[in-house]
N, C-alpha and C. Protein backbone atom coordinates (compact mmCIF):
# COMPACT_ATOMS: atom_id res chain seq x y z
N UNK A 1 -23.36 22.49 3.52
CA UNK A 1 -22.12 22.14 3.60
C UNK A 1 -22.12 20.66 3.80
N UNK A 2 -20.80 20.25 3.26
CA UNK A 2 -20.38 18.69 3.30
C UNK A 2 -18.80 18.91 4.10
N UNK A 3 -18.77 17.90 5.04
CA UNK A 3 -17.27 17.80 5.43
C UNK A 3 -16.91 16.16 5.43
N UNK A 4 -15.79 16.34 4.69
CA UNK A 4 -15.14 14.82 4.42
C UNK A 4 -13.90 14.78 5.08
N UNK A 5 -13.42 13.86 5.89
CA UNK A 5 -12.14 13.41 6.37
C UNK A 5 -11.27 12.03 5.93
N UNK A 6 -9.98 12.40 6.17
CA UNK A 6 -9.21 11.14 5.59
C UNK A 6 -9.58 10.62 4.58
N UNK A 7 -9.20 11.29 3.37
CA UNK A 7 -9.34 10.84 2.06
C UNK A 7 -8.34 10.36 1.39
N UNK A 8 -8.01 9.16 0.98
CA UNK A 8 -7.10 8.77 0.48
C UNK A 8 -6.79 9.35 -1.02
N UNK A 9 -5.45 9.67 -1.60
CA UNK A 9 -5.30 9.94 -2.83
C UNK A 9 -4.95 8.88 -3.72
N UNK A 10 -5.56 8.87 -4.94
CA UNK A 10 -5.59 7.75 -6.05
C UNK A 10 -3.95 8.16 -6.62
N UNK A 11 -3.46 6.79 -6.92
CA UNK A 11 -2.18 6.96 -7.51
C UNK A 11 -1.97 7.30 -8.75
N UNK A 12 -3.12 7.55 -9.19
CA UNK A 12 -3.00 7.70 -10.83
C UNK A 12 -3.67 9.33 -10.69
N UNK A 13 -3.98 10.17 -9.74
CA UNK A 13 -4.45 11.59 -9.94
C UNK A 13 -3.97 12.59 -10.53
N UNK A 14 -2.96 12.62 -10.38
CA UNK A 14 -1.84 13.53 -11.32
C UNK A 14 -1.84 13.22 -12.71
N UNK A 15 -2.03 12.16 -13.36
CA UNK A 15 -1.76 11.79 -14.81
C UNK A 15 -2.37 13.05 -15.74
N UNK A 16 -3.85 13.28 -15.36
CA UNK A 16 -4.30 14.24 -16.30
C UNK A 16 -3.68 15.36 -16.53
N UNK A 17 -2.66 15.82 -15.71
CA UNK A 17 -2.09 17.20 -15.88
C UNK A 17 -1.10 17.00 -16.80
N UNK A 18 -0.65 15.89 -17.08
CA UNK A 18 0.17 15.66 -18.02
C UNK A 18 1.72 15.67 -17.53
N UNK A 19 2.05 15.64 -16.17
CA UNK A 19 3.44 15.58 -15.71
C UNK A 19 3.99 14.15 -15.46
N UNK A 20 5.31 13.81 -15.68
CA UNK A 20 5.73 12.30 -15.40
C UNK A 20 5.90 12.13 -14.01
N UNK A 21 4.96 12.07 -13.30
CA UNK A 21 4.89 12.10 -11.90
C UNK A 21 3.55 11.41 -11.48
N UNK A 22 4.01 10.45 -10.35
CA UNK A 22 2.71 9.61 -9.71
C UNK A 22 2.63 9.98 -8.28
N UNK A 23 1.69 9.94 -7.68
CA UNK A 23 1.34 10.14 -6.09
C UNK A 23 1.91 8.83 -5.49
N UNK A 24 2.80 8.67 -4.41
CA UNK A 24 3.51 7.21 -3.95
C UNK A 24 2.61 7.12 -2.93
N UNK A 25 2.49 8.30 -2.18
CA UNK A 25 1.42 7.97 -1.06
C UNK A 25 0.67 9.47 -0.49
N UNK A 26 -0.50 9.45 -0.05
CA UNK A 26 -1.13 10.38 0.01
C UNK A 26 -2.55 10.53 0.81
N UNK A 27 -2.67 11.56 1.49
CA UNK A 27 -4.49 11.80 1.86
C UNK A 27 -4.63 13.17 2.14
N UNK A 28 -5.85 13.53 2.42
CA UNK A 28 -6.51 14.67 2.39
C UNK A 28 -7.03 14.70 3.92
N UNK A 29 -6.59 15.71 4.64
CA UNK A 29 -7.09 15.20 6.19
C UNK A 29 -8.66 15.89 6.41
N UNK A 30 -8.75 16.97 5.45
CA UNK A 30 -10.32 17.44 5.46
C UNK A 30 -10.86 17.96 4.53
N UNK A 31 -11.64 18.08 3.85
CA UNK A 31 -12.28 18.90 2.50
C UNK A 31 -13.73 19.29 3.28
N UNK A 32 -13.86 20.56 2.79
CA UNK A 32 -15.19 21.02 3.22
C UNK A 32 -15.73 21.64 1.83
N UNK A 33 -16.92 21.43 1.71
CA UNK A 33 -17.81 21.60 0.20
C UNK A 33 -19.05 22.53 0.63
N UNK A 34 -18.93 23.60 0.15
CA UNK A 34 -20.01 24.50 0.10
C UNK A 34 -20.74 24.83 -1.00
N UNK A 35 -21.79 24.17 -1.10
CA UNK A 35 -22.32 24.16 -2.88
C UNK A 35 -23.93 24.57 -2.69
N UNK A 36 -24.08 25.78 -3.16
CA UNK A 36 -25.35 26.39 -3.04
C UNK A 36 -26.42 25.85 -4.01
N UNK A 37 -27.09 24.89 -3.20
CA UNK A 37 -28.09 23.88 -3.93
C UNK A 37 -29.37 24.64 -4.94
N UNK A 38 -29.64 25.71 -4.33
CA UNK A 38 -30.67 26.72 -5.20
C UNK A 38 -30.13 27.01 -6.19
N UNK A 39 -28.98 27.43 -6.49
CA UNK A 39 -28.04 28.35 -7.31
C UNK A 39 -27.18 27.35 -7.85
N UNK A 40 -26.78 26.12 -8.25
CA UNK A 40 -26.18 25.19 -8.44
C UNK A 40 -25.41 25.54 -9.70
N UNK A 41 -25.84 26.06 -10.41
CA UNK A 41 -25.19 26.52 -11.64
C UNK A 41 -24.77 27.85 -11.84
N UNK A 42 -25.14 28.90 -11.16
CA UNK A 42 -24.89 29.93 -11.43
C UNK A 42 -24.06 30.56 -10.22
N UNK A 43 -24.15 30.44 -8.90
CA UNK A 43 -23.43 30.67 -7.77
C UNK A 43 -22.09 30.01 -7.60
N UNK A 44 -21.07 30.56 -6.76
CA UNK A 44 -20.11 30.00 -6.63
C UNK A 44 -20.01 28.94 -5.77
N UNK A 45 -18.94 27.95 -5.95
CA UNK A 45 -18.59 27.05 -5.02
C UNK A 45 -17.53 27.06 -4.24
N UNK A 46 -17.41 26.56 -2.93
CA UNK A 46 -16.43 26.69 -2.04
C UNK A 46 -15.73 25.49 -2.02
N UNK A 47 -14.76 24.93 -2.02
CA UNK A 47 -14.22 23.55 -1.96
C UNK A 47 -12.68 24.14 -0.86
N UNK A 48 -12.34 23.98 0.66
CA UNK A 48 -11.45 23.70 1.38
C UNK A 48 -10.84 22.83 1.78
N UNK A 49 -9.48 22.87 1.31
CA UNK A 49 -8.77 21.70 1.69
C UNK A 49 -7.83 21.93 3.01
N UNK A 50 -7.71 20.87 4.01
CA UNK A 50 -7.01 21.40 5.11
C UNK A 50 -6.31 19.91 5.38
N UNK A 51 -4.87 20.35 5.50
CA UNK A 51 -3.93 19.18 5.82
C UNK A 51 -3.61 17.97 4.51
N UNK A 52 -3.19 18.26 3.97
CA UNK A 52 -2.86 17.62 2.43
C UNK A 52 -1.33 16.88 2.72
N UNK A 53 -1.31 16.15 2.43
CA UNK A 53 0.19 14.98 2.56
C UNK A 53 0.18 14.33 1.32
N UNK A 54 1.00 14.56 0.69
CA UNK A 54 1.39 14.15 -0.50
C UNK A 54 3.03 13.78 -0.83
N UNK A 55 3.26 12.26 -1.14
CA UNK A 55 4.48 11.92 -1.21
C UNK A 55 4.28 11.45 -3.12
N UNK A 56 5.27 12.51 -3.87
CA UNK A 56 5.38 12.08 -5.40
C UNK A 56 6.48 11.93 -5.81
N UNK A 57 6.44 10.82 -6.76
CA UNK A 57 7.73 10.60 -7.83
C UNK A 57 7.70 10.46 -9.33
N UNK A 58 8.66 10.07 -9.98
CA UNK A 58 8.40 9.93 -11.03
C UNK A 58 7.70 8.42 -11.60
N UNK A 59 7.30 8.48 -12.93
CA UNK A 59 6.30 7.32 -12.86
C UNK A 59 7.34 6.40 -13.42
N UNK A 60 7.05 5.08 -13.04
CA UNK A 60 7.99 3.90 -13.36
C UNK A 60 7.21 3.71 -14.77
N UNK A 61 7.93 3.62 -15.60
CA UNK A 61 7.61 3.29 -16.94
C UNK A 61 7.68 1.80 -17.47
N UNK A 62 8.38 1.21 -16.40
CA UNK A 62 8.32 -0.38 -16.43
C UNK A 62 7.15 -1.00 -15.60
N UNK A 63 6.14 -0.39 -15.53
CA UNK A 63 5.06 -0.89 -14.94
C UNK A 63 4.16 -1.42 -16.01
């Protein structure tokens, strides 16, 4: 199990979903990853996110 804290969100993180919005500010308070190393391709992974803070708005097309 791996646990990461206070991860900043990238401004362009939502662009791949095709919506005309971008992240103005944001962070993830905590991410827990449970990856079965011995069965990495066949077993389920668990990704738990706690304390997501996100401010989003329209993409500024003039940039």
